């Protein structure tokens, strides 16, 4: 009797997960749109589905009004944890990403265009493969929450030691130095979770310029906390 009841309960809980499976797939697809081709949509979807099933099996409707309201943030968090587990930014990669960012800014100032991987390899005296891998790693990390991005590099320890409220105030101060359009870029990317292409179409600004503004904001926030 007890065993039959437990099986029936599990069946109902799995049905709850199945109900929201399309939402998980849509979430994985939207996240994948913001990531390089090296990240597999199926992997993101599988991670999200696994988390959804776990959450459905321990969901208590007496404590939460909406299952998806309870599960959404946790499912998305599981996908981000998966991206973090890829360890795409090793210490060596971080140094190379910084060097690439600097080289891109120098090149853009001189040529009003972004250099190719081949040109960067020549400028930095690195292999094209290493440049390509570092740029992929950097593009994966840009979908992470601002707190994650601010922890990247040795300066992350400085940021980890300040209070969250102080960090939020610093972010607001830094954003206030930018134009309304530039502030919209940060809002669209981090809070509306739009792709660079979508932001480009809305604001009529190139994707490379959006990327440049994003990196500038991160750099200024780090400077504002003495990192």
N, C-alpha and C. Protein backbone atom coordinates (compact mmCIF):
# COMPACT_ATOMS: atom_id res chain seq x y z
N UNK A 1 0.83 -1.21 0.00
CA UNK A 1 0.00 0.00 0.00
C UNK A 1 0.87 1.26 0.00
N UNK A 2 1.85 1.34 0.93
CA UNK A 2 2.72 2.51 1.03
C UNK A 2 3.53 2.67 -0.25
N UNK A 3 4.05 1.53 -0.75
CA UNK A 3 4.87 1.56 -1.96
C UNK A 3 4.04 2.06 -3.14
N UNK A 4 2.80 1.59 -3.27
CA UNK A 4 1.93 2.01 -4.37
C UNK A 4 1.63 3.50 -4.28
N UNK A 5 1.42 3.99 -3.06
CA UNK A 5 1.14 5.41 -2.86
C UNK A 5 2.35 6.25 -3.27
N UNK A 6 3.56 5.81 -2.88
CA UNK A 6 4.80 6.53 -3.21
C UNK A 6 4.99 6.60 -4.71
N UNK A 7 4.76 5.48 -5.41
CA UNK A 7 4.90 5.45 -6.87
C UNK A 7 3.92 6.41 -7.54
N UNK A 8 2.70 6.44 -7.04
CA UNK A 8 1.68 7.33 -7.61
C UNK A 8 2.08 8.79 -7.41
N UNK A 9 2.64 9.10 -6.23
CA UNK A 9 3.08 10.46 -5.93
C UNK A 9 4.20 10.88 -6.87
N UNK A 10 5.15 9.99 -7.07
CA UNK A 10 6.26 10.29 -7.98
C UNK A 10 5.74 10.53 -9.39
N UNK A 11 4.76 9.74 -9.80
CA UNK A 11 4.19 9.89 -11.14
C UNK A 11 3.56 11.28 -11.30
N UNK A 12 2.84 11.73 -10.27
CA UNK A 12 2.21 13.06 -10.32
C UNK A 12 3.26 14.16 -10.36
N UNK A 13 4.32 13.99 -9.59
CA UNK A 13 5.39 14.97 -9.56
C UNK A 13 6.11 15.05 -10.90
N UNK A 14 6.32 13.89 -11.55
CA UNK A 14 6.96 13.89 -12.87
C UNK A 14 6.05 14.53 -13.91
N UNK A 15 4.74 14.35 -13.75
CA UNK A 15 3.79 15.00 -14.66
C UNK A 15 3.90 16.53 -14.54
N UNK A 16 4.16 17.00 -13.32
CA UNK A 16 4.33 18.43 -13.08
C UNK A 16 5.56 18.93 -13.85
N UNK A 17 6.63 18.16 -13.80
CA UNK A 17 7.85 18.53 -14.52
C UNK A 17 7.61 18.55 -16.03
N UNK A 18 6.89 17.54 -16.53
CA UNK A 18 6.60 17.44 -17.97
C UNK A 18 5.82 18.67 -18.45
N UNK A 19 4.92 19.17 -17.60
CA UNK A 19 4.13 20.36 -17.93
C UNK A 19 5.02 21.56 -18.29
N UNK A 20 6.13 21.69 -17.57
CA UNK A 20 6.99 22.86 -17.74
C UNK A 20 8.23 22.59 -18.59
N UNK A 21 8.30 21.42 -19.17
CA UNK A 21 9.44 21.08 -20.02
C UNK A 21 9.60 22.05 -21.19
N UNK A 22 8.51 22.44 -21.88
CA UNK A 22 8.67 23.42 -22.98
C UNK A 22 9.29 24.73 -22.50
N UNK A 23 8.95 25.15 -21.29
CA UNK A 23 9.52 26.39 -20.75
C UNK A 23 11.02 26.25 -20.53
N UNK A 24 11.46 25.07 -20.09
CA UNK A 24 12.88 24.82 -19.88
C UNK A 24 13.61 24.82 -21.22
N UNK A 25 13.03 24.18 -22.22
CA UNK A 25 13.64 24.14 -23.55
C UNK A 25 13.75 25.55 -24.14
N UNK A 26 12.71 26.36 -23.93
CA UNK A 26 12.74 27.74 -24.41
C UNK A 26 13.84 28.53 -23.69
N UNK A 27 13.99 28.31 -22.39
CA UNK A 27 15.02 28.98 -21.61
C UNK A 27 16.41 28.60 -22.12
N UNK A 28 16.62 27.30 -22.37
CA UNK A 28 17.90 26.81 -22.88
C UNK A 28 18.20 27.41 -24.25
N UNK A 29 17.16 27.50 -25.07
CA UNK A 29 17.33 28.05 -26.42
C UNK A 29 17.72 29.52 -26.37
N UNK A 30 17.06 30.30 -25.49
CA UNK A 30 17.38 31.72 -25.36
C UNK A 30 18.81 31.92 -24.86
N UNK A 31 19.22 31.09 -23.91
CA UNK A 31 20.58 31.19 -23.38
C UNK A 31 21.59 30.82 -24.46
N UNK A 32 21.28 29.76 -25.20
CA UNK A 32 22.17 29.31 -26.28
C UNK A 32 22.37 30.40 -27.33
N UNK A 33 21.31 31.18 -27.60
CA UNK A 33 21.41 32.27 -28.59
C UNK A 33 22.48 33.29 -28.21
N UNK A 34 22.80 33.38 -26.93
CA UNK A 34 23.78 34.37 -26.45
C UNK A 34 25.17 33.76 -26.29
N UNK A 35 25.32 32.50 -26.67
CA UNK A 35 26.57 31.78 -26.46
C UNK A 35 27.21 31.38 -27.79
N UNK A 36 28.52 31.11 -27.78
CA UNK A 36 29.18 30.65 -29.01
C UNK A 36 28.74 29.25 -29.42
N UNK A 37 29.02 28.88 -30.65
CA UNK A 37 28.56 27.60 -31.20
C UNK A 37 29.15 26.39 -30.47
N UNK A 38 30.24 26.60 -29.74
CA UNK A 38 30.88 25.47 -29.05
C UNK A 38 30.04 24.94 -27.89
N UNK A 39 29.10 25.74 -27.40
CA UNK A 39 28.22 25.28 -26.32
C UNK A 39 26.98 24.64 -26.94
N UNK A 40 26.69 23.42 -26.53
CA UNK A 40 25.61 22.63 -27.12
C UNK A 40 24.26 22.94 -26.45
N UNK A 41 23.27 23.27 -27.26
CA UNK A 41 21.92 23.51 -26.75
C UNK A 41 21.39 22.29 -26.00
N UNK A 42 21.66 21.09 -26.52
CA UNK A 42 21.16 19.86 -25.91
C UNK A 42 21.70 19.68 -24.49
N UNK A 43 22.96 20.07 -24.28
CA UNK A 43 23.55 19.97 -22.94
C UNK A 43 22.83 20.91 -21.97
N UNK A 44 22.59 22.14 -22.40
CA UNK A 44 21.87 23.10 -21.56
C UNK A 44 20.47 22.60 -21.23
N UNK A 45 19.78 22.09 -22.26
CA UNK A 45 18.42 21.59 -22.08
C UNK A 45 18.39 20.40 -21.12
N UNK A 46 19.37 19.50 -21.25
CA UNK A 46 19.42 18.32 -20.38
C UNK A 46 19.67 18.71 -18.93
N UNK A 47 20.58 19.67 -18.71
CA UNK A 47 20.87 20.16 -17.36
C UNK A 47 19.62 20.78 -16.75
N UNK A 48 18.93 21.60 -17.54
CA UNK A 48 17.71 22.25 -17.06
C UNK A 48 16.61 21.26 -16.75
N UNK A 49 16.47 20.25 -17.61
CA UNK A 49 15.43 19.23 -17.42
C UNK A 49 15.70 18.42 -16.15
N UNK A 50 16.95 18.05 -15.95
CA UNK A 50 17.32 17.29 -14.75
C UNK A 50 17.00 18.07 -13.48
N UNK A 51 17.31 19.37 -13.50
CA UNK A 51 17.02 20.22 -12.34
C UNK A 51 15.51 20.36 -12.15
N UNK A 52 14.77 20.49 -13.24
CA UNK A 52 13.32 20.62 -13.18
C UNK A 52 12.68 19.41 -12.50
N UNK A 53 13.14 18.21 -12.86
CA UNK A 53 12.60 16.97 -12.28
C UNK A 53 12.90 16.91 -10.78
N UNK A 54 14.12 17.28 -10.40
CA UNK A 54 14.48 17.30 -8.97
C UNK A 54 13.57 18.25 -8.19
N UNK A 55 13.35 19.43 -8.78
CA UNK A 55 12.53 20.44 -8.11
C UNK A 55 11.07 19.99 -8.00
N UNK A 56 10.57 19.34 -9.05
CA UNK A 56 9.18 18.86 -9.04
C UNK A 56 8.98 17.82 -7.95
N UNK A 57 9.97 16.99 -7.72
CA UNK A 57 9.85 15.90 -6.75
C UNK A 57 9.94 16.38 -5.31
N UNK A 58 10.44 17.60 -5.11
CA UNK A 58 10.48 18.11 -3.73
C UNK A 58 9.64 19.38 -3.56
N UNK A 59 8.82 19.66 -4.56
CA UNK A 59 7.96 20.85 -4.51
C UNK A 59 6.81 20.68 -3.53
N UNK A 60 6.61 21.68 -2.70
CA UNK A 60 5.51 21.68 -1.73
C UNK A 60 4.57 22.84 -2.09
N UNK A 61 3.43 22.51 -2.69
CA UNK A 61 2.53 23.57 -3.16
C UNK A 61 1.93 24.38 -2.02
N UNK A 62 1.99 23.85 -0.80
CA UNK A 62 1.46 24.61 0.35
C UNK A 62 2.39 25.76 0.73
N UNK A 63 3.66 25.68 0.27
CA UNK A 63 4.63 26.72 0.59
C UNK A 63 4.87 27.68 -0.57
N UNK A 64 4.49 27.27 -1.78
CA UNK A 64 4.74 28.08 -2.97
C UNK A 64 3.48 28.13 -3.84
N UNK A 65 3.09 29.32 -4.25
CA UNK A 65 1.88 29.48 -5.06
C UNK A 65 2.04 28.93 -6.47
N UNK A 66 3.21 29.15 -7.05
CA UNK A 66 3.44 28.77 -8.44
C UNK A 66 4.68 27.90 -8.56
N UNK A 67 4.54 26.73 -9.17
CA UNK A 67 5.71 25.85 -9.33
C UNK A 67 6.77 26.51 -10.20
N UNK A 68 6.36 27.09 -11.34
CA UNK A 68 7.36 27.69 -12.24
C UNK A 68 8.00 28.91 -11.59
N UNK A 69 7.24 29.66 -10.81
CA UNK A 69 7.81 30.78 -10.09
C UNK A 69 8.89 30.31 -9.13
N UNK A 70 8.66 29.14 -8.52
CA UNK A 70 9.62 28.53 -7.60
C UNK A 70 10.82 27.94 -8.35
N UNK A 71 10.56 27.38 -9.53
CA UNK A 71 11.59 26.60 -10.24
C UNK A 71 12.42 27.40 -11.22
N UNK A 72 11.86 28.46 -11.80
CA UNK A 72 12.49 29.16 -12.92
C UNK A 72 13.93 29.60 -12.62
N UNK A 73 14.10 30.31 -11.50
CA UNK A 73 15.43 30.83 -11.16
C UNK A 73 16.41 29.69 -10.89
N UNK A 74 15.93 28.63 -10.28
CA UNK A 74 16.80 27.50 -9.94
C UNK A 74 17.23 26.73 -11.19
N UNK A 75 16.31 26.59 -12.15
CA UNK A 75 16.65 25.90 -13.41
C UNK A 75 17.69 26.72 -14.17
N UNK A 76 17.46 28.03 -14.25
CA UNK A 76 18.43 28.90 -14.95
C UNK A 76 19.78 28.87 -14.24
N UNK A 77 19.73 28.86 -12.91
CA UNK A 77 20.96 28.79 -12.13
C UNK A 77 21.73 27.51 -12.39
N UNK A 78 21.02 26.40 -12.60
CA UNK A 78 21.68 25.12 -12.90
C UNK A 78 22.40 25.19 -14.24
N UNK A 79 21.79 25.88 -15.21
CA UNK A 79 22.43 26.04 -16.52
C UNK A 79 23.69 26.90 -16.40
N UNK A 80 23.62 27.97 -15.60
CA UNK A 80 24.80 28.82 -15.39
C UNK A 80 25.90 28.05 -14.66
N UNK A 81 25.50 27.21 -13.68
CA UNK A 81 26.48 26.39 -12.97
C UNK A 81 27.20 25.45 -13.94
N UNK A 82 26.45 24.93 -14.90
CA UNK A 82 27.05 24.06 -15.93
C UNK A 82 28.10 24.85 -16.73
N UNK A 83 27.76 26.08 -17.11
CA UNK A 83 28.72 26.90 -17.87
C UNK A 83 29.95 27.20 -17.02
N UNK A 84 29.74 27.45 -15.72
CA UNK A 84 30.88 27.70 -14.83
C UNK A 84 31.77 26.46 -14.74
N UNK A 85 31.14 25.28 -14.76
CA UNK A 85 31.89 24.02 -14.60
C UNK A 85 32.80 23.75 -15.79
N UNK A 86 32.54 24.41 -16.92
CA UNK A 86 33.40 24.22 -18.09
C UNK A 86 34.79 24.78 -17.85
N UNK A 87 34.93 25.65 -16.82
CA UNK A 87 36.21 26.24 -16.45
C UNK A 87 36.88 26.88 -17.66
N UNK A 88 36.07 27.68 -18.38
CA UNK A 88 36.57 28.25 -19.63
C UNK A 88 37.61 29.34 -19.44
N UNK A 89 37.67 29.93 -18.23
CA UNK A 89 38.64 30.99 -18.01
C UNK A 89 39.69 30.58 -16.98
N UNK A 90 40.66 29.83 -17.44
CA UNK A 90 41.80 29.48 -16.58
C UNK A 90 42.61 30.76 -16.35
N UNK A 91 43.57 30.71 -15.44
CA UNK A 91 44.39 31.89 -15.17
C UNK A 91 45.09 32.38 -16.43
N UNK A 92 45.63 31.45 -17.22
CA UNK A 92 46.32 31.83 -18.46
C UNK A 92 45.35 32.46 -19.44
N UNK A 93 44.15 31.89 -19.53
CA UNK A 93 43.13 32.43 -20.44
C UNK A 93 42.74 33.84 -20.04
N UNK A 94 42.62 34.08 -18.73
CA UNK A 94 42.23 35.40 -18.25
C UNK A 94 43.24 36.45 -18.69
N UNK A 95 44.52 36.13 -18.56
CA UNK A 95 45.57 37.07 -18.97
C UNK A 95 45.50 37.33 -20.47
N UNK A 96 45.25 36.27 -21.24
CA UNK A 96 45.16 36.43 -22.68
C UNK A 96 43.91 37.22 -23.08
N UNK A 97 42.80 36.99 -22.37
CA UNK A 97 41.57 37.74 -22.65
C UNK A 97 41.81 39.23 -22.41
N UNK A 98 42.50 39.56 -21.33
CA UNK A 98 42.80 40.97 -21.05
C UNK A 98 43.68 41.56 -22.14
N UNK A 99 44.68 40.79 -22.58
CA UNK A 99 45.57 41.26 -23.64
C UNK A 99 44.80 41.46 -24.94
N UNK A 100 43.87 40.55 -25.22
CA UNK A 100 43.04 40.65 -26.43
C UNK A 100 42.17 41.90 -26.36
N UNK A 101 41.53 42.12 -25.21
CA UNK A 101 40.67 43.29 -25.04
C UNK A 101 41.45 44.58 -25.30
N UNK A 102 42.65 44.64 -24.74
CA UNK A 102 43.49 45.83 -24.92
C UNK A 102 43.88 46.00 -26.40
N UNK A 103 44.27 44.88 -27.03
CA UNK A 103 44.68 44.92 -28.44
C UNK A 103 43.52 45.33 -29.35
N UNK A 104 42.32 44.85 -29.03
CA UNK A 104 41.13 45.19 -29.81
C UNK A 104 40.85 46.69 -29.72
N UNK A 105 40.97 47.25 -28.49
CA UNK A 105 40.73 48.69 -28.30
C UNK A 105 41.75 49.51 -29.10
N UNK A 106 43.00 49.11 -29.05
CA UNK A 106 44.07 49.81 -29.77
C UNK A 106 43.81 49.76 -31.28
N UNK A 107 43.46 48.57 -31.75
CA UNK A 107 43.23 48.38 -33.19
C UNK A 107 42.01 49.19 -33.65
N UNK A 108 40.93 49.15 -32.83
CA UNK A 108 39.70 49.86 -33.20
C UNK A 108 39.95 51.37 -33.25
N UNK A 109 40.74 51.89 -32.31
CA UNK A 109 41.04 53.32 -32.27
C UNK A 109 41.79 53.76 -33.53
N UNK A 110 42.62 52.86 -34.04
CA UNK A 110 43.43 53.20 -35.21
C UNK A 110 42.71 52.94 -36.53
N UNK A 111 41.94 51.84 -36.59
CA UNK A 111 41.34 51.42 -37.86
C UNK A 111 39.82 51.55 -37.90
N UNK A 112 39.19 51.90 -36.78
CA UNK A 112 37.72 51.99 -36.69
C UNK A 112 37.06 50.68 -37.10
N UNK A 113 37.68 49.60 -36.72
CA UNK A 113 37.16 48.27 -37.04
C UNK A 113 37.74 47.28 -36.03
N UNK A 114 37.15 46.07 -35.94
CA UNK A 114 37.64 45.07 -35.00
C UNK A 114 38.57 44.10 -35.73
N UNK A 115 39.71 43.75 -35.11
CA UNK A 115 40.65 42.84 -35.77
C UNK A 115 40.13 41.41 -35.83
N UNK A 116 40.59 40.66 -36.80
CA UNK A 116 40.26 39.24 -36.90
C UNK A 116 41.13 38.45 -35.93
N UNK A 117 40.81 37.17 -35.74
CA UNK A 117 41.64 36.32 -34.88
C UNK A 117 43.05 36.22 -35.44
N UNK A 118 43.17 36.19 -36.75
CA UNK A 118 44.48 36.09 -37.39
C UNK A 118 45.32 37.34 -37.09
N UNK A 119 44.68 38.51 -37.19
CA UNK A 119 45.40 39.76 -36.90
C UNK A 119 45.80 39.84 -35.43
N UNK A 120 44.91 39.39 -34.54
CA UNK A 120 45.24 39.39 -33.11
C UNK A 120 46.39 38.43 -32.81
N UNK A 121 46.39 37.30 -33.47
CA UNK A 121 47.47 36.32 -33.27
C UNK A 121 48.82 36.93 -33.64
N UNK A 122 48.81 37.72 -34.71
CA UNK A 122 50.06 38.37 -35.14
C UNK A 122 50.45 39.48 -34.17
N UNK A 123 49.47 40.29 -33.75
CA UNK A 123 49.75 41.39 -32.82
C UNK A 123 50.29 40.88 -31.49
N UNK A 124 49.69 39.79 -30.97
CA UNK A 124 50.05 39.29 -29.64
C UNK A 124 51.06 38.15 -29.67
N UNK A 125 51.47 37.77 -30.87
CA UNK A 125 52.42 36.67 -31.04
C UNK A 125 51.93 35.39 -30.35
N UNK A 126 50.67 35.07 -30.61
CA UNK A 126 50.05 33.84 -30.09
C UNK A 126 49.50 33.03 -31.26
N UNK A 127 49.21 31.76 -31.01
CA UNK A 127 48.63 30.94 -32.07
C UNK A 127 47.17 31.35 -32.29
N UNK A 128 46.69 31.15 -33.51
CA UNK A 128 45.30 31.49 -33.83
C UNK A 128 44.35 30.66 -32.97
N UNK A 129 44.72 29.38 -32.72
CA UNK A 129 43.88 28.51 -31.90
C UNK A 129 43.70 29.07 -30.49
N UNK A 130 44.81 29.57 -29.90
CA UNK A 130 44.73 30.12 -28.54
C UNK A 130 43.87 31.39 -28.50
N UNK A 131 44.02 32.21 -29.52
CA UNK A 131 43.21 33.44 -29.61
C UNK A 131 41.74 33.07 -29.72
N UNK A 132 41.46 32.10 -30.60
CA UNK A 132 40.08 31.67 -30.83
C UNK A 132 39.46 31.12 -29.55
N UNK A 133 40.20 30.26 -28.84
CA UNK A 133 39.71 29.66 -27.60
C UNK A 133 39.46 30.72 -26.52
N UNK A 134 40.37 31.69 -26.41
CA UNK A 134 40.23 32.74 -25.40
C UNK A 134 39.02 33.62 -25.70
N UNK A 135 38.77 33.88 -26.96
CA UNK A 135 37.61 34.72 -27.31
C UNK A 135 36.30 33.96 -27.07
N UNK A 136 36.32 32.67 -27.30
CA UNK A 136 35.14 31.84 -27.00
C UNK A 136 34.88 31.86 -25.49
N UNK A 137 35.96 31.66 -24.70
CA UNK A 137 35.83 31.67 -23.24
C UNK A 137 35.26 33.00 -22.76
N UNK A 138 35.76 34.09 -23.32
CA UNK A 138 35.28 35.41 -22.94
C UNK A 138 33.81 35.60 -23.28
N UNK A 139 33.39 35.11 -24.45
CA UNK A 139 31.99 35.28 -24.86
C UNK A 139 31.06 34.42 -24.03
N UNK A 140 31.53 33.27 -23.54
CA UNK A 140 30.71 32.45 -22.64
C UNK A 140 30.51 33.20 -21.32
N UNK A 141 31.56 33.81 -20.84
CA UNK A 141 31.47 34.46 -19.54
C UNK A 141 30.59 35.71 -19.55
N UNK A 142 30.38 36.32 -20.73
CA UNK A 142 29.58 37.54 -20.75
C UNK A 142 28.10 37.30 -20.48
N UNK A 143 27.64 36.04 -20.51
CA UNK A 143 26.22 35.78 -20.19
C UNK A 143 26.02 35.63 -18.68
N UNK A 144 27.10 35.57 -17.93
CA UNK A 144 26.99 35.40 -16.49
C UNK A 144 26.47 36.67 -15.82
N UNK A 145 25.87 36.54 -14.62
CA UNK A 145 25.45 37.73 -13.89
C UNK A 145 26.63 38.67 -13.65
N UNK A 146 26.33 39.96 -13.44
CA UNK A 146 27.39 40.94 -13.22
C UNK A 146 28.33 40.54 -12.09
N UNK A 147 27.76 39.94 -11.02
CA UNK A 147 28.61 39.56 -9.88
C UNK A 147 29.70 38.58 -10.31
N UNK A 148 29.35 37.64 -11.20
CA UNK A 148 30.34 36.67 -11.69
C UNK A 148 31.43 37.38 -12.49
N UNK A 149 31.01 38.28 -13.36
CA UNK A 149 31.98 38.95 -14.22
C UNK A 149 32.95 39.79 -13.41
N UNK A 150 32.45 40.36 -12.31
CA UNK A 150 33.31 41.20 -11.48
C UNK A 150 34.32 40.38 -10.68
N UNK A 151 34.07 39.07 -10.58
CA UNK A 151 34.99 38.21 -9.83
C UNK A 151 36.12 37.69 -10.71
N UNK A 152 36.04 37.91 -12.02
CA UNK A 152 37.05 37.37 -12.94
C UNK A 152 38.36 38.10 -12.77
N UNK A 153 39.44 37.33 -12.65
CA UNK A 153 40.77 37.91 -12.52
C UNK A 153 41.20 38.05 -11.07
N UNK A 154 42.46 38.40 -10.88
CA UNK A 154 43.01 38.53 -9.52
C UNK A 154 42.31 39.62 -8.72
N UNK A 155 41.75 40.64 -9.43
CA UNK A 155 41.09 41.74 -8.74
C UNK A 155 39.77 41.30 -8.12
N UNK A 156 39.31 40.11 -8.44
CA UNK A 156 38.05 39.61 -7.90
C UNK A 156 38.03 39.56 -6.39
N UNK A 157 39.21 39.34 -5.77
CA UNK A 157 39.27 39.24 -4.31
C UNK A 157 38.90 40.57 -3.66
N UNK A 158 39.25 41.69 -4.31
CA UNK A 158 38.90 43.01 -3.77
C UNK A 158 37.39 43.19 -3.76
N UNK A 159 36.76 42.75 -4.83
CA UNK A 159 35.31 42.90 -4.97
C UNK A 159 34.58 41.99 -3.99
N UNK A 160 35.13 40.80 -3.75
CA UNK A 160 34.49 39.84 -2.85
C UNK A 160 34.42 40.37 -1.43
N UNK A 161 35.31 41.30 -1.09
CA UNK A 161 35.40 41.79 0.29
C UNK A 161 34.50 42.99 0.58
N UNK A 162 33.81 43.53 -0.43
CA UNK A 162 32.95 44.67 -0.16
C UNK A 162 31.51 44.22 0.00
N UNK A 163 30.73 45.01 0.70
CA UNK A 163 29.33 44.68 0.94
C UNK A 163 28.53 44.76 -0.34
N UNK A 164 27.52 43.90 -0.46
CA UNK A 164 26.69 43.88 -1.67
C UNK A 164 26.04 45.24 -1.93
N UNK A 165 25.55 45.89 -0.86
CA UNK A 165 24.90 47.19 -1.02
C UNK A 165 25.87 48.23 -1.57
N UNK A 166 27.10 48.16 -1.08
CA UNK A 166 28.13 49.10 -1.55
C UNK A 166 28.43 48.84 -3.03
N UNK A 167 28.49 47.56 -3.41
CA UNK A 167 28.75 47.21 -4.80
C UNK A 167 27.63 47.72 -5.71
N UNK A 168 26.38 47.55 -5.26
CA UNK A 168 25.23 48.02 -6.05
C UNK A 168 25.30 49.53 -6.23
N UNK A 169 25.68 50.25 -5.17
CA UNK A 169 25.79 51.71 -5.26
C UNK A 169 26.90 52.11 -6.24
N UNK A 170 28.00 51.35 -6.22
CA UNK A 170 29.10 51.63 -7.15
C UNK A 170 28.67 51.39 -8.59
N UNK A 171 27.90 50.32 -8.80
CA UNK A 171 27.40 50.02 -10.15
C UNK A 171 26.50 51.14 -10.65
N UNK A 172 25.60 51.62 -9.76
CA UNK A 172 24.69 52.71 -10.14
C UNK A 172 25.48 53.98 -10.48
N UNK A 173 26.52 54.27 -9.69
CA UNK A 173 27.33 55.46 -9.93
C UNK A 173 28.04 55.38 -11.28
N UNK A 174 28.60 54.19 -11.56
CA UNK A 174 29.32 54.00 -12.83
C UNK A 174 28.36 54.12 -14.01
N UNK A 175 27.19 53.48 -13.91
CA UNK A 175 26.22 53.54 -15.00
C UNK A 175 25.75 54.97 -15.25
N UNK A 176 25.70 55.77 -14.18
CA UNK A 176 25.28 57.15 -14.31
C UNK A 176 26.21 57.99 -15.17
N UNK A 177 27.45 57.50 -15.37
CA UNK A 177 28.43 58.22 -16.19
C UNK A 177 28.22 57.96 -17.69
N UNK A 178 27.35 57.01 -17.99
CA UNK A 178 27.12 56.66 -19.40
C UNK A 178 25.83 57.31 -19.91
N UNK A 179 25.73 57.39 -21.23
CA UNK A 179 24.53 57.96 -21.85
C UNK A 179 23.35 57.02 -21.64
N UNK A 180 22.15 57.54 -21.91
CA UNK A 180 20.95 56.73 -21.74
C UNK A 180 20.99 55.49 -22.64
N UNK A 181 21.49 55.67 -23.86
CA UNK A 181 21.57 54.54 -24.79
C UNK A 181 22.51 53.47 -24.27
N UNK A 182 23.65 53.89 -23.72
CA UNK A 182 24.62 52.94 -23.20
C UNK A 182 24.07 52.22 -21.96
N UNK A 183 23.31 52.94 -21.14
CA UNK A 183 22.67 52.30 -19.99
C UNK A 183 21.64 51.27 -20.45
N UNK A 184 20.96 51.58 -21.55
CA UNK A 184 19.98 50.64 -22.10
C UNK A 184 20.65 49.34 -22.54
N UNK A 185 21.86 49.44 -23.06
CA UNK A 185 22.60 48.24 -23.49
C UNK A 185 22.78 47.29 -22.32
N UNK A 186 23.20 47.83 -21.18
CA UNK A 186 23.40 47.00 -19.98
C UNK A 186 22.07 46.43 -19.51
N UNK A 187 21.04 47.26 -19.52
CA UNK A 187 19.71 46.79 -19.10
C UNK A 187 19.20 45.68 -20.01
N UNK A 188 19.30 45.88 -21.32
CA UNK A 188 18.82 44.88 -22.28
C UNK A 188 19.59 43.57 -22.15
N UNK A 189 20.92 43.69 -21.96
CA UNK A 189 21.75 42.48 -21.96
C UNK A 189 21.60 41.67 -20.68
N UNK A 190 21.65 42.36 -19.53
CA UNK A 190 21.65 41.63 -18.25
C UNK A 190 20.27 41.40 -17.66
N UNK A 191 19.36 42.32 -17.89
CA UNK A 191 18.06 42.20 -17.24
C UNK A 191 16.96 41.74 -18.18
N UNK A 192 17.04 42.12 -19.46
CA UNK A 192 16.07 41.63 -20.44
C UNK A 192 16.59 40.38 -21.15
N UNK A 193 17.89 40.11 -20.99
CA UNK A 193 18.56 38.92 -21.57
C UNK A 193 18.39 38.85 -23.09
N UNK A 194 18.56 40.00 -23.74
CA UNK A 194 18.53 40.04 -25.20
C UNK A 194 19.91 39.69 -25.75
N UNK A 195 19.94 39.22 -26.99
CA UNK A 195 21.21 38.92 -27.64
C UNK A 195 21.83 40.22 -28.16
N UNK A 196 23.14 40.16 -28.49
CA UNK A 196 23.80 41.34 -29.06
C UNK A 196 23.12 41.76 -30.36
N UNK A 197 22.71 40.76 -31.15
CA UNK A 197 22.04 41.06 -32.42
C UNK A 197 20.72 41.80 -32.19
N UNK A 198 19.94 41.35 -31.20
CA UNK A 198 18.66 42.00 -30.90
C UNK A 198 18.86 43.43 -30.41
N UNK A 199 19.86 43.63 -29.55
CA UNK A 199 20.15 44.98 -29.05
C UNK A 199 20.61 45.87 -30.20
N UNK A 200 21.42 45.30 -31.08
CA UNK A 200 21.91 46.04 -32.24
C UNK A 200 20.77 46.53 -33.12
N UNK A 201 19.77 45.67 -33.30
CA UNK A 201 18.62 46.04 -34.14
C UNK A 201 17.74 47.09 -33.47
N UNK A 202 17.59 47.00 -32.14
CA UNK A 202 16.74 47.96 -31.41
C UNK A 202 17.38 49.35 -31.36
N UNK A 203 18.69 49.39 -31.06
CA UNK A 203 19.37 50.67 -30.83
C UNK A 203 20.14 51.17 -32.04
N UNK A 204 20.16 50.38 -33.12
CA UNK A 204 20.89 50.75 -34.34
C UNK A 204 22.36 51.06 -34.03
N UNK A 205 23.00 50.08 -33.39
CA UNK A 205 24.41 50.20 -33.01
C UNK A 205 25.07 48.86 -33.29
N UNK A 206 26.34 48.86 -33.70
CA UNK A 206 26.98 47.60 -34.09
C UNK A 206 27.20 46.69 -32.88
N UNK A 207 27.24 45.39 -33.14
CA UNK A 207 27.47 44.42 -32.06
C UNK A 207 28.84 44.61 -31.42
N UNK A 208 29.84 44.96 -32.22
CA UNK A 208 31.18 45.17 -31.66
C UNK A 208 31.20 46.37 -30.72
N UNK A 209 30.42 47.41 -31.05
CA UNK A 209 30.35 48.59 -30.17
C UNK A 209 29.64 48.24 -28.87
N UNK A 210 28.60 47.40 -28.95
CA UNK A 210 27.89 46.95 -27.75
C UNK A 210 28.85 46.19 -26.84
N UNK A 211 29.64 45.30 -27.45
CA UNK A 211 30.62 44.52 -26.69
C UNK A 211 31.64 45.44 -26.04
N UNK A 212 32.07 46.46 -26.76
CA UNK A 212 33.05 47.42 -26.24
C UNK A 212 32.50 48.16 -25.02
N UNK A 213 31.24 48.62 -25.11
CA UNK A 213 30.61 49.35 -24.00
C UNK A 213 30.48 48.44 -22.78
N UNK A 214 30.07 47.19 -23.02
CA UNK A 214 29.92 46.22 -21.93
C UNK A 214 31.23 46.05 -21.18
N UNK A 215 32.34 45.87 -21.91
CA UNK A 215 33.64 45.67 -21.28
C UNK A 215 34.10 46.93 -20.54
N UNK A 216 33.77 48.08 -21.10
CA UNK A 216 34.12 49.35 -20.46
C UNK A 216 33.41 49.50 -19.12
N UNK A 217 32.12 49.11 -19.07
CA UNK A 217 31.35 49.20 -17.82
C UNK A 217 31.96 48.30 -16.75
N UNK A 218 32.26 47.04 -17.12
CA UNK A 218 32.86 46.09 -16.16
C UNK A 218 34.17 46.65 -15.62
N UNK A 219 35.00 47.20 -16.52
CA UNK A 219 36.30 47.74 -16.12
C UNK A 219 36.13 48.91 -15.15
N UNK A 220 35.18 49.81 -15.44
CA UNK A 220 34.98 50.98 -14.58
C UNK A 220 34.42 50.60 -13.21
N UNK A 221 33.57 49.58 -13.18
CA UNK A 221 33.04 49.12 -11.89
C UNK A 221 34.18 48.58 -11.04
N UNK A 222 35.07 47.81 -11.65
CA UNK A 222 36.21 47.27 -10.92
C UNK A 222 37.10 48.40 -10.40
N UNK A 223 37.32 49.41 -11.24
CA UNK A 223 38.13 50.55 -10.81
C UNK A 223 37.48 51.29 -9.63
N UNK A 224 36.14 51.34 -9.64
CA UNK A 224 35.41 52.10 -8.62
C UNK A 224 35.53 51.48 -7.24
N UNK A 225 35.83 50.17 -7.18
CA UNK A 225 36.00 49.53 -5.88
C UNK A 225 37.46 49.27 -5.56
N UNK A 226 38.34 49.90 -6.34
CA UNK A 226 39.77 49.80 -6.06
C UNK A 226 40.39 48.49 -6.50
N UNK A 227 39.72 47.76 -7.43
CA UNK A 227 40.27 46.49 -7.90
C UNK A 227 41.27 46.73 -9.01
